[in-house]
Amino acid sequence: MEYCDTLHPSRYRLYFSDNVVKPGTDSFLLADFIHPKKGMRVCDLGAGIGLLGLLLLNRCPELSVCCVELQAQAVAMARRNIEENGLQKKMTLHHTDLRALRSVLPAGETDLVVSNPPYFRQGCGGKASDALRQAAREESTCTIEDVCAAAAYLLKWGGTFSLIFRPERLADLFCALRQSGIEPKRIRFVEKTAGQPPILVLVEGRRGGRPGLVYEPPLVIFASDGRESEEMDRINFRQDRKAGAL
């Protein structure tokens, strides 16, 4: 089955289906964590259906977004999201393996790289219902080291890499970042409810940055009454969206 929702305030239409990975909270959390600036050249590694790029353009229309995705079904849906919203001049799409970017994209010309990479080592974290979802879930087609290396190749000196990951693999992430010449600079943990162990972590690194890590207050998904927090309402545009929209 195919679906269509609307992003606010831009009114971009987001198309997705049961055949590809559906949009999740992770992309909304990451898009809110990022600080896009007018004129930035952005690259989304493992872009899926293009949701993160749409969310960033939703916040800052004066961006140039490059999407890199390996899975053909996701690429087809991302292309539709770009074309249906008339974003061909703002979003480009590359159907390629991020481990082979040197033959596709130039080095050192990107201001901001973003990614919602697979969270689990291959063979860990359970099995998904199909190969496409499994590739999004575990490192069957690329590792966190591969993602960080690709980000470092694309970024200009001083450029920013922002991603969302699992807190239990934070050591793996920091090692991969530093191995690629990207210094962790900003971090925010995501808690299901206040005071509980984090379930996700948002990290920003800088290519060639000096050591020094800023911890931001935790992002809490659910308030004490069981409803999503006011911050989640803001992140999901509930304060100004119409019925039926994301």
Protein backbone atom coordinates (compact mmCIF):
# COMPACT_ATOMS: atom_id res chain seq x y z
CA MET A 1 0.00 0.00 0.00
CA GLU A 2 1.15 3.55 -0.75
CA TYR A 3 0.71 6.57 1.50
CA CYS A 4 1.11 10.33 1.27
CA ASP A 5 1.49 12.83 4.11
CA THR A 6 2.28 16.52 4.30
CA LEU A 7 5.18 18.24 6.03
CA HIS A 8 4.63 21.58 7.72
CA PRO A 9 5.16 24.44 7.22
CA SER A 10 6.47 23.83 3.68
CA ARG A 11 3.55 21.62 2.61
CA TYR A 12 5.97 19.21 0.97
CA ARG A 13 4.25 15.93 0.16
CA LEU A 14 5.96 12.78 1.41
CA TYR A 15 5.25 9.54 -0.44
CA PHE A 16 6.08 6.19 1.12
CA SER A 17 4.84 2.62 0.92
CA ASP A 18 4.81 -0.76 2.62
CA ASN A 19 7.52 -1.93 0.18
CA VAL A 20 10.21 0.35 1.62
CA VAL A 21 11.24 1.44 5.11
CA LYS A 22 8.54 3.78 6.42
CA PRO A 23 9.40 7.20 7.87
CA GLY A 24 10.35 7.02 11.53
CA THR A 25 10.92 9.27 14.51
CA ASP A 26 14.69 9.00 14.09
CA SER A 27 14.75 11.24 11.00
CA PHE A 28 12.65 13.90 12.74
CA LEU A 29 14.96 13.84 15.77
CA LEU A 30 18.05 14.17 13.61
CA ALA A 31 16.60 16.95 11.45
CA ASP A 32 15.81 18.94 14.59
CA PHE A 33 19.33 18.39 16.01
CA ILE A 34 21.00 19.75 12.87
CA HIS A 35 21.63 23.48 12.40
CA PRO A 36 21.36 24.06 8.63
CA LYS A 37 22.40 27.44 7.27
CA LYS A 38 21.45 29.23 4.07
CA GLY A 39 23.55 28.16 1.09
CA MET A 40 24.93 24.98 2.66
CA ARG A 41 25.78 22.02 0.46
CA VAL A 42 24.37 18.96 2.23
CA CYS A 43 24.78 15.24 1.58
CA ASP A 44 22.56 12.56 3.12
CA LEU A 45 24.32 9.18 3.26
CA GLY A 46 21.82 6.33 3.12
CA ALA A 47 19.02 8.73 2.28
CA GLY A 48 16.26 6.13 1.95
CA ILE A 49 13.13 7.79 0.52
CA GLY A 50 14.59 11.28 1.00
CA LEU A 51 12.73 12.21 4.19
CA LEU A 52 15.70 13.78 5.97
CA GLY A 53 16.49 15.99 2.98
CA LEU A 54 12.86 17.13 2.83
CA LEU A 55 12.88 17.91 6.55
CA LEU A 56 16.03 20.01 6.23
CA LEU A 57 14.61 21.92 3.26
CA ASN A 58 11.42 22.30 5.26
CA ARG A 59 13.45 24.22 7.86
CA CYS A 60 15.90 25.97 5.54
CA PRO A 61 14.80 26.18 1.88
CA GLU A 62 18.11 27.71 0.74
CA LEU A 63 20.02 24.42 0.83
CA SER A 64 21.44 22.16 -1.85
CA VAL A 65 20.83 18.53 -0.83
CA CYS A 66 22.53 15.50 -2.35
CA CYS A 67 21.00 12.10 -1.52
CA VAL A 68 23.05 8.89 -1.69
CA GLU A 69 21.14 5.60 -1.54
CA LEU A 70 21.98 2.02 -2.55
CA GLN A 71 18.60 0.24 -2.46
CA ALA A 72 16.70 0.54 -5.76
CA GLN A 73 13.20 0.57 -4.22
CA ALA A 74 14.13 3.40 -1.88
CA VAL A 75 15.78 5.32 -4.73
CA ALA A 76 12.59 5.10 -6.79
CA MET A 77 10.51 6.50 -3.93
CA ALA A 78 13.07 9.23 -3.20
CA ARG A 79 13.00 10.26 -6.85
CA ARG A 80 9.23 10.53 -6.69
CA ASN A 81 9.42 12.68 -3.54
CA ILE A 82 11.86 15.01 -5.27
CA GLU A 83 9.87 15.28 -8.49
CA GLU A 84 6.40 15.56 -6.94
CA ASN A 85 7.59 18.49 -4.83
CA GLY A 86 9.38 20.19 -7.73
CA LEU A 87 12.73 20.03 -5.94
CA GLN A 88 14.92 18.92 -8.85
CA LYS A 89 17.02 22.09 -8.53
CA LYS A 90 17.48 21.68 -4.78
CA MET A 91 17.82 17.91 -4.40
CA THR A 92 19.95 15.50 -6.40
CA LEU A 93 19.89 11.73 -6.11
CA HIS A 94 22.70 9.21 -6.60
CA HIS A 95 21.89 5.51 -6.76
CA THR A 96 25.24 4.24 -5.54
CA ASP A 97 27.16 2.58 -2.73
CA LEU A 98 28.54 5.12 -0.25
CA ARG A 99 31.74 3.07 -0.19
CA ALA A 100 32.30 4.02 -3.85
CA LEU A 101 31.73 7.77 -3.67
CA ARG A 102 35.14 8.63 -5.11
CA SER A 103 33.85 7.74 -8.57
CA VAL A 104 30.64 9.75 -8.13
CA LEU A 105 31.15 12.89 -6.02
CA PRO A 106 34.06 15.30 -5.53
CA ALA A 107 36.09 15.39 -2.33
CA GLY A 108 36.03 18.20 0.19
CA GLU A 109 33.17 20.25 -1.24
CA THR A 110 30.34 19.49 1.21
CA ASP A 111 29.45 21.72 4.17
CA LEU A 112 27.22 19.26 6.02
CA VAL A 113 26.90 15.48 5.86
CA VAL A 114 23.97 13.79 7.60
CA SER A 115 23.13 10.14 8.13
CA ASN A 116 20.73 7.76 9.84
CA PRO A 117 22.96 4.70 9.46
CA PRO A 118 22.30 1.05 10.34
CA TYR A 119 22.50 0.71 14.12
CA PHE A 120 23.59 -2.89 14.63
CA ARG A 121 26.61 -4.96 13.71
CA GLN A 122 25.83 -7.64 11.13
CA GLY A 123 24.14 -10.59 12.77
CA CYS A 124 23.04 -8.58 15.81
CA GLY A 125 19.79 -6.87 16.76
CA GLY A 126 17.30 -9.40 15.37
CA LYS A 127 15.98 -10.06 11.89
CA ALA A 128 13.83 -7.78 9.77
CA SER A 129 11.03 -8.97 7.50
CA ASP A 130 13.00 -8.51 4.26
CA ALA A 131 16.46 -7.67 2.89
CA LEU A 132 15.68 -3.98 2.39
CA ARG A 133 14.69 -3.45 6.01
CA GLN A 134 17.54 -5.65 7.17
CA ALA A 135 20.04 -3.41 5.34
CA ALA A 136 18.54 -0.37 7.07
CA ARG A 137 18.75 -2.12 10.44
CA GLU A 138 22.15 -3.82 10.47
CA GLU A 139 25.55 -3.29 8.83
CA SER A 140 25.05 -5.77 5.99
CA THR A 141 25.99 -3.29 3.22
CA CYS A 142 28.09 -0.76 5.14
CA THR A 143 29.58 -0.28 8.61
CA ILE A 144 29.75 2.81 10.79
CA GLU A 145 33.41 3.01 9.80
CA ASP A 146 32.37 3.11 6.13
CA VAL A 147 29.83 5.87 6.83
CA CYS A 148 32.35 8.02 8.72
CA ALA A 149 34.99 7.52 6.02
CA ALA A 150 32.49 8.60 3.34
CA ALA A 151 31.55 11.66 5.39
CA ALA A 152 35.19 12.63 5.81
CA TYR A 153 35.80 12.29 2.06
CA LEU A 154 32.89 14.59 1.22
CA LEU A 155 33.38 17.25 3.89
CA LYS A 156 35.37 20.40 3.43
CA TRP A 157 37.84 21.26 6.20
CA GLY A 158 35.75 22.40 9.16
CA GLY A 159 32.58 20.84 7.72
CA THR A 160 30.01 19.15 9.96
CA PHE A 161 28.81 15.55 10.19
CA SER A 162 25.56 14.92 12.08
CA LEU A 163 24.03 11.51 12.71
CA ILE A 164 21.81 9.47 15.01
CA PHE A 165 23.01 6.20 16.52
CA ARG A 166 22.63 3.77 19.40
CA PRO A 167 24.18 4.78 22.75
CA GLU A 168 25.55 1.29 23.43
CA ARG A 169 27.74 1.72 20.32
CA LEU A 170 28.98 5.19 21.18
CA ALA A 171 32.56 3.95 21.60
CA ASP A 172 32.44 2.41 18.10
CA LEU A 173 31.12 5.68 16.71
CA PHE A 174 33.72 7.91 18.37
CA CYS A 175 36.55 5.60 17.26
CA ALA A 176 35.24 5.62 13.68
CA LEU A 177 34.88 9.41 13.69
CA ARG A 178 38.39 10.06 14.95
CA GLN A 179 39.86 7.43 12.64
CA SER A 180 38.33 9.41 9.76
CA GLY A 181 39.59 12.77 11.01
CA ILE A 182 36.24 13.94 12.37
CA GLU A 183 36.21 15.18 15.96
CA PRO A 184 33.02 14.72 18.04
CA LYS A 185 31.88 18.19 19.10
CA ARG A 186 28.25 18.00 20.24
CA ILE A 187 26.11 15.24 21.73
CA ARG A 188 22.53 14.81 22.89
CA PHE A 189 21.00 11.67 24.34
CA VAL A 190 17.39 10.70 23.65
CA GLU A 191 15.41 9.23 26.55
CA LYS A 192 12.05 7.51 26.28
CA THR A 193 11.03 9.07 29.62
CA ALA A 194 13.00 11.46 31.84
CA GLY A 195 15.73 9.82 33.88
CA GLN A 196 15.66 6.51 31.99
CA PRO A 197 18.71 5.13 30.15
CA PRO A 198 18.99 6.68 26.66
CA ILE A 199 17.62 4.79 23.68
CA LEU A 200 19.32 6.91 20.98
CA VAL A 201 22.13 9.43 20.71
CA LEU A 202 22.56 12.44 18.41
CA VAL A 203 26.14 13.37 17.58
CA GLU A 204 27.75 16.19 15.63
CA GLY A 205 31.38 16.05 14.54
CA ARG A 206 33.66 18.44 12.71
CA ARG A 207 36.28 17.50 10.14
CA GLY A 208 39.63 18.66 11.50
CA GLY A 209 38.02 19.94 14.70
CA ARG A 210 39.84 20.34 18.00
CA PRO A 211 38.94 18.11 20.99
CA GLY A 212 36.09 19.42 23.08
CA LEU A 213 32.62 17.90 23.45
CA VAL A 214 29.46 19.83 24.39
CA TYR A 215 26.70 17.86 26.10
CA GLU A 216 23.18 19.14 25.47
CA PRO A 217 20.24 18.38 27.81
CA PRO A 218 18.54 15.04 27.07
CA LEU A 219 15.65 14.98 24.63
CA VAL A 220 12.70 13.28 26.37
CA ILE A 221 10.12 11.63 24.12
CA PHE A 222 7.30 10.96 26.60
CA ALA A 223 6.17 13.16 29.49
CA SER A 224 5.17 11.76 32.89
CA ASP A 225 1.52 11.50 31.81
CA GLY A 226 2.43 9.15 28.94
CA ARG A 227 1.86 11.71 26.22
CA GLU A 228 4.62 12.83 23.90
CA SER A 229 6.54 15.77 25.32
CA GLU A 230 6.11 19.39 24.27
CA GLU A 231 9.48 19.18 22.53
CA MET A 232 8.30 16.20 20.50
CA ASP A 233 5.16 18.14 19.57
CA ARG A 234 7.41 20.88 18.22
CA ILE A 235 9.71 18.43 16.40
CA ASN A 236 6.71 16.75 14.75
CA PHE A 237 5.11 20.09 13.80
CA ARG A 238 1.97 19.31 15.80
CA GLN A 239 1.67 22.89 16.90
CA ASP A 240 0.88 24.10 13.40
CA ARG A 241 -0.04 21.11 11.30
CA LYS A 242 -3.46 20.15 10.01
CA ALA A 243 -5.19 16.85 10.62
CA GLY A 244 -3.60 13.95 8.79
CA ALA A 245 -0.20 15.62 8.27
CA LEU A 246 3.12 14.55 9.73
